[in-house]
C-alpha atoms as a PDB file:
ATOM      1  CA  MET A   1     156.317  68.085 188.589  1.00  0.00           C
ATOM      2  CA  ILE A   2     153.612  69.991 186.737  1.00  0.00           C
ATOM      3  CA  PRO A   3     153.033  68.576 183.252  1.00  0.00           C
ATOM      4  CA  ILE A   4     153.322  71.104 180.439  1.00  0.00           C
ATOM      5  CA  GLY A   5     150.892  70.771 177.529  1.00  0.00           C
ATOM      6  CA  LYS A   6     148.693  68.111 179.157  1.00  0.00           C
ATOM      7  CA  LYS A   7     145.067  68.548 180.137  1.00  0.00           C
ATOM      8  CA  GLY A   8     143.916  67.824 183.639  1.00  0.00           C
ATOM      9  CA  LYS A   9     140.880  68.159 185.872  1.00  0.00           C
ATOM     10  CA  ILE A  10     141.056  70.031 189.175  1.00  0.00           C
ATOM     11  CA  THR A  11     139.725  67.717 191.885  1.00  0.00           C
ATOM     12  CA  ASN A  12     139.420  70.071 194.873  1.00  0.00           C
ATOM     13  CA  GLY A  13     138.566  73.568 196.031  1.00  0.00           C
ATOM     14  CA  PRO A  14     136.570  76.368 194.393  1.00  0.00           C
ATOM     15  CA  LEU A  15     137.629  75.341 190.869  1.00  0.00           C
ATOM     16  CA  LYS A  16     136.761  71.685 191.347  1.00  0.00           C
ATOM     17  CA  ASP A  17     135.830  70.034 188.027  1.00  0.00           C
ATOM     18  CA  TRP A  18     137.490  72.776 185.963  1.00  0.00           C
ATOM     19  CA  MET A  19     139.842  71.641 183.199  1.00  0.00           C
ATOM     20  CA  ILE A  20     143.394  72.987 183.325  1.00  0.00           C
ATOM     21  CA  THR A  21     146.219  73.129 180.796  1.00  0.00           C
ATOM     22  CA  VAL A  22     149.643  74.695 181.266  1.00  0.00           C
ATOM     23  CA  GLN A  23     151.263  76.039 178.101  1.00  0.00           C
ATOM     24  CA  GLU A  24     154.865  77.138 177.839  1.00  0.00           C
ATOM     25  CA  ASP A  25     155.491  80.404 176.021  1.00  0.00           C
ATOM     26  CA  LYS A  26     159.263  80.053 175.899  1.00  0.00           C
ATOM     27  CA  ASP A  27     159.738  81.722 172.509  1.00  0.00           C
ATOM     28  CA  ASN A  28     157.756  84.888 173.253  1.00  0.00           C
ATOM     29  CA  THR A  29     157.748  85.599 176.975  1.00  0.00           C
ATOM     30  CA  GLY A  30     159.598  82.748 178.658  1.00  0.00           C
ATOM     31  CA  GLY A  31     156.610  82.228 180.954  1.00  0.00           C
ATOM     32  CA  PHE A  32     153.673  79.880 181.354  1.00  0.00           C
ATOM     33  CA  LEU A  33     150.008  80.392 180.522  1.00  0.00           C
ATOM     34  CA  ILE A  34     147.569  78.446 182.698  1.00  0.00           C
ATOM     35  CA  LEU A  35     144.244  77.934 180.909  1.00  0.00           C
ATOM     36  CA  LEU A  36     141.161  77.095 182.978  1.00  0.00           C
ATOM     37  CA  THR A  37     137.818  76.096 181.429  1.00  0.00           C
ATOM     38  CA  LYS A  38     134.471  74.753 182.537  1.00  0.00           C
ATOM     39  CA  ASN A  39     131.590  74.587 180.099  1.00  0.00           C
ATOM     40  CA  GLU A  40     131.453  78.050 178.474  1.00  0.00           C
ATOM     41  CA  GLU A  41     133.491  79.737 181.224  1.00  0.00           C
ATOM     42  CA  GLN A  42     137.173  80.422 180.666  1.00  0.00           C
ATOM     43  CA  TYR A  43     139.905  82.240 182.437  1.00  0.00           C
ATOM     44  CA  ASP A  44     143.653  82.165 182.645  1.00  0.00           C
ATOM     45  CA  GLU A  45     146.555  82.775 184.975  1.00  0.00           C
ATOM     46  CA  TRP A  46     150.154  83.642 184.224  1.00  0.00           C
ATOM     47  CA  ALA A  47     153.481  82.558 185.690  1.00  0.00           C
ATOM     48  CA  ASN A  48     156.751  84.228 184.742  1.00  0.00           C
ATOM     49  CA  ASP A  49     158.849  81.076 185.123  1.00  0.00           C
ATOM     50  CA  LEU A  50     158.792  77.526 186.469  1.00  0.00           C
ATOM     51  CA  LYS A  51     159.383  78.706 190.047  1.00  0.00           C
ATOM     52  CA  ASP A  52     156.378  81.055 189.849  1.00  0.00           C
ATOM     53  CA  LEU A  53     154.301  78.263 188.277  1.00  0.00           C
ATOM     54  CA  GLU A  54     155.067  75.951 191.189  1.00  0.00           C
ATOM     55  CA  LYS A  55     154.268  78.733 193.680  1.00  0.00           C
ATOM     56  CA  LEU A  56     150.933  79.390 191.962  1.00  0.00           C
ATOM     57  CA  PHE A  57     149.930  75.718 192.148  1.00  0.00           C
ATOM     58  CA  ALA A  58     150.938  75.615 195.834  1.00  0.00           C
ATOM     59  CA  LYS A  59     149.087  78.852 196.627  1.00  0.00           C
ATOM     60  CA  ARG A  60     145.904  77.626 194.939  1.00  0.00           C
ATOM     61  CA  ALA A  61     146.397  74.154 196.486  1.00  0.00           C
ATOM     62  CA  TRP A  62     145.257  72.602 193.221  1.00  0.00           C
ATOM     63  CA  GLU A  63     145.058  68.852 193.083  1.00  0.00           C
ATOM     64  CA  VAL A  64     144.869  67.785 189.457  1.00  0.00           C
ATOM     65  CA  ALA A  65     144.030  64.475 187.790  1.00  0.00           C
ATOM     66  CA  TRP A  66     146.206  64.728 184.681  1.00  0.00           C
ATOM     67  CA  GLU A  67     145.238  62.880 181.497  1.00  0.00           C
ATOM     68  CA  LYS A  68     147.633  60.129 180.471  1.00  0.00           C
END
């Protein structure tokens, strides 16, 4: 399961060492905002629902070390 609201560090692929946070936007859009940061660089992705969020993680093949 993908943790919502926790920070993590991507441990593989082109975004290795980027920090990731998934935020739920249930009240406004019902979707999920995926925030990605590394140093001064930032970008985001969007998923319409939990199913799309899981598909996005699978497509990107992200392995994430989530903070406890």
